[in-house]
């Protein structure tokens, strides 16, 4: 790895992680996650974003047909090791349209979109 050898050669450290964290803070950004059977994805949103608008980052239909979000924290899955254990510990919850997504939330969005009535 070129970057690693450069840092070792010049006996220095990278500040890239610090720059990213401080940049996110300065811009008022945060992450939330979605989890599937074979994929985990991080989504970037502004702080104070409500659940339907966060869902809209994934797809506009999810915002339009938002019903609820099933939510747990990243730290909870690290601690309890599985979604089932998070539920058993009472850390898995349902949130409505007024929920303000928090940094590190893992969301399962429930939505339903029907076709507009034909005239």
N, C-alpha and C. Protein backbone atom coordinates (compact mmCIF):
# COMPACT_ATOMS: atom_id res chain seq x y z
N UNK A 1 0.85 -1.18 0.00
CA UNK A 1 0.00 0.00 0.00
C UNK A 1 0.90 1.25 0.00
N UNK A 2 0.72 2.10 -0.97
CA UNK A 2 1.57 3.27 -1.16
C UNK A 2 1.43 4.25 -0.01
N UNK A 3 0.22 4.51 0.41
CA UNK A 3 0.00 5.47 1.50
C UNK A 3 0.66 5.00 2.78
N UNK A 4 0.53 3.74 3.09
CA UNK A 4 1.12 3.19 4.31
C UNK A 4 2.64 3.29 4.28
N UNK A 5 3.25 2.94 3.16
CA UNK A 5 4.71 3.02 3.06
C UNK A 5 5.19 4.47 3.13
N UNK A 6 4.43 5.40 2.55
CA UNK A 6 4.79 6.82 2.64
C UNK A 6 4.80 7.29 4.09
N UNK A 7 3.75 6.95 4.83
CA UNK A 7 3.66 7.35 6.23
C UNK A 7 4.79 6.74 7.06
N UNK A 8 5.12 5.48 6.79
CA UNK A 8 6.21 4.83 7.52
C UNK A 8 7.55 5.46 7.18
N UNK A 9 7.76 5.74 5.90
CA UNK A 9 9.03 6.32 5.45
C UNK A 9 9.29 7.69 6.08
N UNK A 10 8.27 8.51 6.17
CA UNK A 10 8.42 9.86 6.72
C UNK A 10 8.06 9.94 8.20
N UNK A 11 7.81 8.77 8.80
CA UNK A 11 7.50 8.68 10.24
C UNK A 11 6.43 9.71 10.65
N UNK A 12 5.31 9.61 9.97
CA UNK A 12 4.20 10.55 10.22
C UNK A 12 2.89 9.78 10.29
N UNK A 13 1.82 10.48 10.60
CA UNK A 13 0.49 9.88 10.66
C UNK A 13 -0.44 10.64 9.73
N UNK A 14 -1.45 9.94 9.25
CA UNK A 14 -2.46 10.58 8.42
C UNK A 14 -3.51 11.25 9.32
N UNK A 15 -3.92 12.41 8.94
CA UNK A 15 -5.00 13.11 9.64
C UNK A 15 -6.31 13.06 8.86
N UNK A 16 -6.37 12.18 7.87
CA UNK A 16 -7.56 12.10 7.02
C UNK A 16 -8.82 11.82 7.83
N UNK A 17 -8.77 10.87 8.76
CA UNK A 17 -9.96 10.57 9.56
C UNK A 17 -10.40 11.78 10.37
N UNK A 18 -9.46 12.49 10.95
CA UNK A 18 -9.78 13.69 11.73
C UNK A 18 -10.41 14.76 10.83
N UNK A 19 -9.89 14.91 9.63
CA UNK A 19 -10.43 15.89 8.67
C UNK A 19 -11.87 15.53 8.31
N UNK A 20 -12.12 14.25 8.06
CA UNK A 20 -13.47 13.81 7.69
C UNK A 20 -14.45 14.05 8.84
N UNK A 21 -14.08 13.65 10.05
CA UNK A 21 -14.95 13.82 11.22
C UNK A 21 -15.25 15.30 11.46
N UNK A 22 -14.21 16.12 11.45
CA UNK A 22 -14.41 17.56 11.69
C UNK A 22 -15.17 18.23 10.54
N UNK A 23 -14.96 17.75 9.31
CA UNK A 23 -15.71 18.28 8.17
C UNK A 23 -17.19 17.96 8.30
N UNK A 24 -17.51 16.72 8.70
CA UNK A 24 -18.91 16.34 8.91
C UNK A 24 -19.55 17.21 9.98
N UNK A 25 -18.83 17.43 11.08
CA UNK A 25 -19.36 18.26 12.17
C UNK A 25 -19.59 19.69 11.68
N UNK A 26 -18.63 20.24 10.96
CA UNK A 26 -18.75 21.62 10.49
C UNK A 26 -19.90 21.79 9.51
N UNK A 27 -20.18 20.77 8.72
CA UNK A 27 -21.26 20.83 7.74
C UNK A 27 -22.60 20.36 8.30
N UNK A 28 -22.60 19.89 9.55
CA UNK A 28 -23.85 19.43 10.16
C UNK A 28 -24.36 18.13 9.56
N UNK A 29 -23.43 17.23 9.22
CA UNK A 29 -23.81 15.97 8.59
C UNK A 29 -23.68 14.82 9.58
N UNK A 30 -24.41 13.75 9.27
CA UNK A 30 -24.32 12.52 10.05
C UNK A 30 -24.69 11.34 9.16
N UNK A 31 -24.46 10.13 9.68
CA UNK A 31 -24.78 8.90 8.97
C UNK A 31 -25.97 8.20 9.61
N UNK A 32 -26.72 7.48 8.77
CA UNK A 32 -27.59 6.42 9.26
C UNK A 32 -27.33 5.22 8.36
N UNK A 33 -27.72 4.05 8.81
CA UNK A 33 -27.42 2.82 8.10
C UNK A 33 -28.69 2.07 7.74
N UNK A 34 -28.62 1.34 6.63
CA UNK A 34 -29.63 0.35 6.29
C UNK A 34 -28.92 -0.99 6.20
N UNK A 35 -29.62 -2.06 6.59
CA UNK A 35 -29.02 -3.38 6.64
C UNK A 35 -29.89 -4.35 5.88
N UNK A 36 -29.28 -5.08 4.99
CA UNK A 36 -29.97 -6.14 4.26
C UNK A 36 -29.29 -7.47 4.50
N UNK A 37 -29.77 -8.50 3.87
CA UNK A 37 -29.21 -9.84 4.06
C UNK A 37 -27.74 -9.90 3.64
N UNK A 38 -27.39 -9.17 2.59
CA UNK A 38 -26.01 -9.24 2.09
C UNK A 38 -25.35 -7.87 1.94
N UNK A 39 -25.94 -6.83 2.53
CA UNK A 39 -25.38 -5.49 2.34
C UNK A 39 -25.69 -4.58 3.53
N UNK A 40 -24.71 -3.80 3.91
CA UNK A 40 -24.90 -2.71 4.87
C UNK A 40 -24.52 -1.45 4.13
N UNK A 41 -25.36 -0.44 4.26
CA UNK A 41 -25.10 0.80 3.53
C UNK A 41 -25.23 1.99 4.46
N UNK A 42 -24.30 2.93 4.33
CA UNK A 42 -24.33 4.17 5.10
C UNK A 42 -24.89 5.28 4.21
N UNK A 43 -25.77 6.10 4.78
CA UNK A 43 -26.38 7.21 4.07
C UNK A 43 -26.05 8.49 4.81
N UNK A 44 -25.72 9.53 4.09
CA UNK A 44 -25.37 10.81 4.70
C UNK A 44 -26.57 11.73 4.66
N UNK A 45 -26.88 12.32 5.82
CA UNK A 45 -27.99 13.27 5.94
C UNK A 45 -27.56 14.44 6.81
N UNK A 46 -28.33 15.51 6.75
CA UNK A 46 -28.13 16.65 7.64
C UNK A 46 -28.62 16.27 9.04
N UNK A 47 -28.00 16.82 10.07
CA UNK A 47 -28.52 16.64 11.42
C UNK A 47 -29.93 17.21 11.47
N UNK A 48 -30.76 16.69 12.35
CA UNK A 48 -32.14 17.10 12.56
C UNK A 48 -33.07 16.67 11.42
N UNK A 49 -32.64 15.72 10.59
CA UNK A 49 -33.49 15.20 9.52
C UNK A 49 -34.52 14.25 10.10
N UNK A 50 -35.77 14.43 9.71
CA UNK A 50 -36.86 13.55 10.15
C UNK A 50 -36.81 12.23 9.35
N UNK A 51 -37.38 11.19 9.93
CA UNK A 51 -37.33 9.86 9.34
C UNK A 51 -37.83 9.80 7.88
N UNK A 52 -38.96 10.44 7.53
CA UNK A 52 -39.40 10.36 6.13
C UNK A 52 -38.40 10.98 5.15
N UNK A 53 -37.77 12.08 5.54
CA UNK A 53 -36.80 12.72 4.66
C UNK A 53 -35.52 11.86 4.55
N UNK A 54 -35.15 11.19 5.63
CA UNK A 54 -34.02 10.26 5.57
C UNK A 54 -34.34 9.12 4.62
N UNK A 55 -35.57 8.60 4.71
CA UNK A 55 -36.01 7.54 3.80
C UNK A 55 -35.95 8.02 2.35
N UNK A 56 -36.24 9.29 2.14
CA UNK A 56 -36.19 9.86 0.80
C UNK A 56 -34.79 9.89 0.21
N UNK A 57 -33.77 9.83 1.05
CA UNK A 57 -32.39 9.74 0.54
C UNK A 57 -32.16 8.40 -0.15
N UNK A 58 -32.90 7.40 0.29
CA UNK A 58 -32.78 6.07 -0.31
C UNK A 58 -33.57 6.04 -1.63
N UNK A 59 -34.84 6.48 -1.57
CA UNK A 59 -35.69 6.55 -2.76
C UNK A 59 -36.86 7.47 -2.47
N UNK A 60 -37.24 8.27 -3.42
CA UNK A 60 -38.32 9.24 -3.21
C UNK A 60 -39.65 8.56 -2.86
N UNK A 61 -39.89 7.35 -3.38
CA UNK A 61 -41.11 6.62 -3.03
C UNK A 61 -41.16 6.28 -1.54
N UNK A 62 -40.00 6.04 -0.95
CA UNK A 62 -39.95 5.71 0.47
C UNK A 62 -40.35 6.91 1.33
N UNK A 63 -40.01 8.09 0.88
CA UNK A 63 -40.44 9.30 1.61
C UNK A 63 -41.93 9.52 1.42
N UNK A 64 -42.39 9.39 0.19
CA UNK A 64 -43.79 9.64 -0.12
C UNK A 64 -44.73 8.68 0.59
N UNK A 65 -44.35 7.41 0.69
CA UNK A 65 -45.21 6.40 1.29
C UNK A 65 -44.79 5.98 2.69
N UNK A 66 -43.99 6.81 3.35
CA UNK A 66 -43.44 6.47 4.67
C UNK A 66 -44.56 6.11 5.66
N UNK A 67 -44.38 4.99 6.37
CA UNK A 67 -45.32 4.56 7.42
C UNK A 67 -44.63 4.68 8.78
N UNK A 68 -43.48 4.01 8.91
CA UNK A 68 -42.74 4.04 10.17
C UNK A 68 -41.31 3.58 9.90
N UNK A 69 -40.47 3.76 10.90
CA UNK A 69 -39.10 3.26 10.83
C UNK A 69 -38.84 2.38 12.05
N UNK A 70 -38.29 1.21 11.82
CA UNK A 70 -37.82 0.38 12.91
C UNK A 70 -36.36 0.78 13.12
N UNK A 71 -36.01 1.12 14.37
CA UNK A 71 -34.74 1.77 14.65
C UNK A 71 -33.99 1.07 15.78
N UNK A 72 -32.69 0.94 15.60
CA UNK A 72 -31.78 0.61 16.68
C UNK A 72 -30.45 1.28 16.39
N UNK A 73 -29.59 1.33 17.37
CA UNK A 73 -28.32 2.05 17.27
C UNK A 73 -27.18 1.13 16.82
N UNK A 74 -26.24 1.71 16.14
CA UNK A 74 -25.03 0.99 15.75
C UNK A 74 -24.36 0.39 16.98
N UNK A 75 -24.25 1.18 18.04
CA UNK A 75 -23.60 0.71 19.28
C UNK A 75 -24.33 -0.50 19.87
N UNK A 76 -25.66 -0.56 19.70
CA UNK A 76 -26.42 -1.70 20.21
C UNK A 76 -26.08 -2.98 19.48
N UNK A 77 -25.92 -2.91 18.17
CA UNK A 77 -25.60 -4.13 17.41
C UNK A 77 -24.18 -4.58 17.71
N UNK A 78 -23.27 -3.63 17.96
CA UNK A 78 -21.91 -3.99 18.34
C UNK A 78 -21.92 -4.70 19.70
N UNK A 79 -22.70 -4.17 20.63
CA UNK A 79 -22.76 -4.74 21.97
C UNK A 79 -23.46 -6.10 22.00
N UNK A 80 -24.60 -6.21 21.31
CA UNK A 80 -25.43 -7.41 21.43
C UNK A 80 -25.19 -8.44 20.32
N UNK A 81 -24.48 -8.09 19.29
CA UNK A 81 -24.00 -9.01 18.23
C UNK A 81 -25.04 -9.48 17.22
N UNK A 82 -26.33 -9.27 17.46
CA UNK A 82 -27.33 -9.68 16.47
C UNK A 82 -28.59 -8.83 16.65
N UNK A 83 -29.36 -8.74 15.57
CA UNK A 83 -30.62 -7.98 15.63
C UNK A 83 -31.57 -8.61 16.64
N UNK A 84 -31.61 -9.93 16.69
CA UNK A 84 -32.47 -10.62 17.65
C UNK A 84 -32.11 -10.29 19.09
N UNK A 85 -30.82 -10.23 19.36
CA UNK A 85 -30.37 -9.90 20.72
C UNK A 85 -30.67 -8.44 21.05
N UNK A 86 -30.60 -7.57 20.05
CA UNK A 86 -30.96 -6.16 20.26
C UNK A 86 -32.44 -6.07 20.63
N UNK A 87 -33.28 -6.82 19.92
CA UNK A 87 -34.72 -6.84 20.22
C UNK A 87 -34.97 -7.39 21.62
N UNK A 88 -34.30 -8.48 21.96
CA UNK A 88 -34.48 -9.10 23.27
C UNK A 88 -34.06 -8.16 24.40
N UNK A 89 -33.08 -7.29 24.13
CA UNK A 89 -32.61 -6.34 25.14
C UNK A 89 -33.50 -5.10 25.22
N UNK A 90 -34.53 -5.05 24.36
CA UNK A 90 -35.45 -3.91 24.38
C UNK A 90 -34.90 -2.65 23.76
N UNK A 91 -33.91 -2.80 22.90
CA UNK A 91 -33.27 -1.64 22.28
C UNK A 91 -33.78 -1.37 20.86
N UNK A 92 -34.68 -2.19 20.37
CA UNK A 92 -35.25 -2.09 19.03
C UNK A 92 -36.60 -1.39 19.18
N UNK A 93 -36.85 -0.35 18.41
CA UNK A 93 -38.09 0.39 18.61
C UNK A 93 -38.69 0.84 17.28
N UNK A 94 -39.96 1.22 17.33
CA UNK A 94 -40.68 1.77 16.19
C UNK A 94 -40.76 3.28 16.36
N UNK A 95 -40.53 4.00 15.26
CA UNK A 95 -40.59 5.46 15.30
C UNK A 95 -41.50 5.96 14.19
N UNK A 96 -42.12 7.11 14.43
CA UNK A 96 -43.09 7.68 13.48
C UNK A 96 -42.46 8.77 12.63
N UNK A 97 -43.31 9.48 11.90
CA UNK A 97 -42.87 10.52 10.97
C UNK A 97 -42.13 11.67 11.64
N UNK A 98 -42.37 11.90 12.92
CA UNK A 98 -41.73 13.00 13.62
C UNK A 98 -40.37 12.65 14.21
N UNK A 99 -39.94 11.40 14.05
CA UNK A 99 -38.66 10.98 14.63
C UNK A 99 -37.49 11.67 13.93
N UNK A 100 -36.61 12.23 14.72
CA UNK A 100 -35.40 12.87 14.21
C UNK A 100 -34.28 11.82 14.22
N UNK A 101 -33.81 11.46 13.05
CA UNK A 101 -32.80 10.41 12.91
C UNK A 101 -31.51 10.87 13.60
N UNK A 102 -30.91 9.95 14.36
CA UNK A 102 -29.69 10.23 15.10
C UNK A 102 -28.49 9.60 14.42
N UNK A 103 -27.33 10.19 14.64
CA UNK A 103 -26.10 9.67 14.06
C UNK A 103 -25.89 8.22 14.52
N UNK A 104 -25.69 7.32 13.57
CA UNK A 104 -25.45 5.92 13.89
C UNK A 104 -26.69 5.07 14.00
N UNK A 105 -27.87 5.64 13.72
CA UNK A 105 -29.09 4.83 13.71
C UNK A 105 -29.04 3.81 12.58
N UNK A 106 -29.63 2.66 12.84
CA UNK A 106 -29.86 1.66 11.80
C UNK A 106 -31.37 1.62 11.59
N UNK A 107 -31.80 1.88 10.36
CA UNK A 107 -33.22 2.01 10.06
C UNK A 107 -33.71 0.91 9.13
N UNK A 108 -34.90 0.41 9.45
CA UNK A 108 -35.65 -0.44 8.53
C UNK A 108 -36.91 0.36 8.22
N UNK A 109 -36.99 0.87 7.02
CA UNK A 109 -38.09 1.76 6.63
C UNK A 109 -39.28 0.93 6.15
N UNK A 110 -40.43 1.22 6.70
CA UNK A 110 -41.69 0.61 6.25
C UNK A 110 -42.44 1.67 5.47
N UNK A 111 -42.84 1.33 4.25
CA UNK A 111 -43.54 2.29 3.41
C UNK A 111 -44.51 1.57 2.49
N UNK A 112 -45.45 2.34 1.95
CA UNK A 112 -46.42 1.81 1.01
C UNK A 112 -46.78 2.91 0.05
N UNK A 113 -46.58 2.64 -1.22
CA UNK A 113 -46.90 3.63 -2.26
C UNK A 113 -47.97 3.03 -3.16
N UNK A 114 -49.05 3.77 -3.29
CA UNK A 114 -50.11 3.35 -4.22
C UNK A 114 -50.13 4.32 -5.38
N UNK A 115 -50.62 3.86 -6.51
CA UNK A 115 -50.74 4.73 -7.67
C UNK A 115 -51.78 5.81 -7.39
N UNK A 116 -51.52 6.99 -7.93
CA UNK A 116 -52.50 8.06 -7.79
C UNK A 116 -53.78 7.65 -8.52
N UNK A 117 -54.92 8.04 -7.99
CA UNK A 117 -56.20 7.68 -8.61
C UNK A 117 -56.30 8.30 -9.99
N UNK A 118 -56.75 7.50 -10.94
CA UNK A 118 -56.91 7.98 -12.30
C UNK A 118 -58.16 8.83 -12.40
N UNK A 119 -58.08 9.89 -13.17
CA UNK A 119 -59.22 10.80 -13.33
C UNK A 119 -60.02 10.46 -14.55
